[in-house]
Amino acid sequence: MTYTLDGETIKSINLIADDNIRKTGLLNMTLNIYENWFNMLR
């Protein structure tokens, strides 16, 4: 996607992610909660 103003390109953005995104499932949610608790209690 490209944003232009008066025919001049202001910003160009790639709408497809470069990195994989983990799906939020029960296991990932549980691991995330434990990781956050561990980081808070350190």
N, C-alpha and C. Protein backbone atom coordinates (compact mmCIF):
# COMPACT_ATOMS: atom_id res chain seq x y z
N MET A 1 0.85 -1.16 0.00
CA MET A 1 0.00 0.00 0.00
C MET A 1 0.90 1.23 0.00
N THR A 2 0.59 2.16 -0.82
CA THR A 2 1.41 3.37 -0.94
C THR A 2 0.54 4.61 -0.70
N TYR A 3 1.02 5.48 0.17
CA TYR A 3 0.33 6.75 0.45
C TYR A 3 1.01 7.85 -0.35
N THR A 4 0.21 8.62 -1.07
CA THR A 4 0.76 9.71 -1.87
C THR A 4 0.06 11.02 -1.54
N LEU A 5 0.76 12.11 -1.78
CA LEU A 5 0.21 13.44 -1.60
C LEU A 5 0.70 14.28 -2.77
N ASP A 6 -0.23 14.78 -3.56
CA ASP A 6 0.09 15.58 -4.75
C ASP A 6 1.04 14.83 -5.70
N GLY A 7 0.82 13.53 -5.86
CA GLY A 7 1.63 12.73 -6.77
C GLY A 7 2.98 12.30 -6.22
N GLU A 8 3.32 12.70 -4.99
CA GLU A 8 4.59 12.33 -4.38
C GLU A 8 4.34 11.25 -3.33
N THR A 9 5.13 10.17 -3.38
CA THR A 9 4.98 9.07 -2.43
C THR A 9 5.45 9.51 -1.05
N ILE A 10 4.55 9.36 -0.07
CA ILE A 10 4.88 9.71 1.31
C ILE A 10 5.40 8.49 2.05
N LYS A 11 4.65 7.39 1.96
CA LYS A 11 5.01 6.17 2.70
C LYS A 11 4.51 4.97 1.94
N SER A 12 5.28 3.90 1.96
CA SER A 12 4.90 2.64 1.35
C SER A 12 4.93 1.56 2.43
N ILE A 13 3.87 0.77 2.56
CA ILE A 13 3.73 -0.22 3.62
C ILE A 13 3.43 -1.58 3.00
N ASN A 14 4.13 -2.61 3.46
CA ASN A 14 3.88 -3.97 3.04
C ASN A 14 2.80 -4.55 3.96
N LEU A 15 1.69 -5.00 3.41
CA LEU A 15 0.58 -5.51 4.21
C LEU A 15 0.73 -6.98 4.59
N ILE A 16 1.73 -7.66 4.04
CA ILE A 16 1.97 -9.06 4.37
C ILE A 16 3.09 -9.13 5.40
N ALA A 17 2.83 -9.84 6.50
CA ALA A 17 3.79 -9.92 7.59
C ALA A 17 5.02 -10.72 7.18
N ASP A 18 6.18 -10.30 7.65
CA ASP A 18 7.42 -11.01 7.39
C ASP A 18 7.62 -12.17 8.36
N ASP A 19 7.06 -12.06 9.56
CA ASP A 19 7.24 -13.07 10.60
C ASP A 19 5.96 -13.89 10.76
N ASN A 20 6.13 -15.14 11.21
CA ASN A 20 4.98 -15.98 11.52
C ASN A 20 4.36 -15.53 12.84
N ILE A 21 3.05 -15.65 12.94
CA ILE A 21 2.34 -15.28 14.14
C ILE A 21 1.73 -16.54 14.74
N ARG A 22 2.00 -16.76 16.04
CA ARG A 22 1.47 -17.95 16.70
C ARG A 22 -0.04 -17.82 16.87
N LYS A 23 -0.74 -18.93 16.66
CA LYS A 23 -2.16 -18.95 16.91
C LYS A 23 -2.39 -19.03 18.41
N THR A 24 -3.42 -18.36 18.90
CA THR A 24 -3.72 -18.39 20.31
C THR A 24 -4.58 -19.61 20.61
N GLY A 25 -3.96 -20.59 21.21
CA GLY A 25 -4.65 -21.80 21.63
C GLY A 25 -4.48 -21.94 23.13
N LEU A 26 -5.02 -22.99 23.67
CA LEU A 26 -4.96 -23.19 25.12
C LEU A 26 -3.51 -23.34 25.59
N LEU A 27 -2.71 -24.11 24.86
CA LEU A 27 -1.32 -24.31 25.27
C LEU A 27 -0.53 -23.00 25.18
N ASN A 28 -0.65 -22.28 24.09
CA ASN A 28 0.08 -21.02 23.94
C ASN A 28 -0.36 -19.99 24.97
N MET A 29 -1.67 -19.95 25.27
CA MET A 29 -2.17 -19.00 26.26
C MET A 29 -1.62 -19.34 27.64
N THR A 30 -1.60 -20.63 27.99
CA THR A 30 -1.10 -21.06 29.29
C THR A 30 0.39 -20.76 29.41
N LEU A 31 1.16 -21.06 28.38
CA LEU A 31 2.59 -20.76 28.41
C LEU A 31 2.85 -19.27 28.54
N ASN A 32 2.05 -18.46 27.87
CA ASN A 32 2.19 -17.01 27.95
C ASN A 32 1.90 -16.51 29.36
N ILE A 33 0.87 -17.05 29.99
CA ILE A 33 0.53 -16.64 31.37
C ILE A 33 1.66 -17.01 32.33
N TYR A 34 2.17 -18.25 32.22
CA TYR A 34 3.28 -18.66 33.10
C TYR A 34 4.52 -17.81 32.86
N GLU A 35 4.80 -17.50 31.61
CA GLU A 35 5.97 -16.67 31.29
C GLU A 35 5.82 -15.28 31.89
N ASN A 36 4.62 -14.70 31.79
CA ASN A 36 4.40 -13.37 32.36
C ASN A 36 4.51 -13.39 33.88
N TRP A 37 3.96 -14.41 34.55
CA TRP A 37 4.07 -14.52 36.00
C TRP A 37 5.53 -14.68 36.41
N PHE A 38 6.27 -15.51 35.68
CA PHE A 38 7.67 -15.72 36.01
C PHE A 38 8.45 -14.41 35.89
N ASN A 39 8.19 -13.63 34.84
CA ASN A 39 8.89 -12.36 34.65
C ASN A 39 8.51 -11.35 35.73
N MET A 40 7.27 -11.37 36.20
CA MET A 40 6.85 -10.43 37.25
C MET A 40 7.46 -10.78 38.59
N LEU A 41 7.64 -12.07 38.87
CA LEU A 41 8.11 -12.50 40.18
C LEU A 41 9.64 -12.54 40.30
N ARG A 42 10.34 -12.27 39.20
CA ARG A 42 11.81 -12.28 39.29
C ARG A 42 12.34 -11.14 40.07
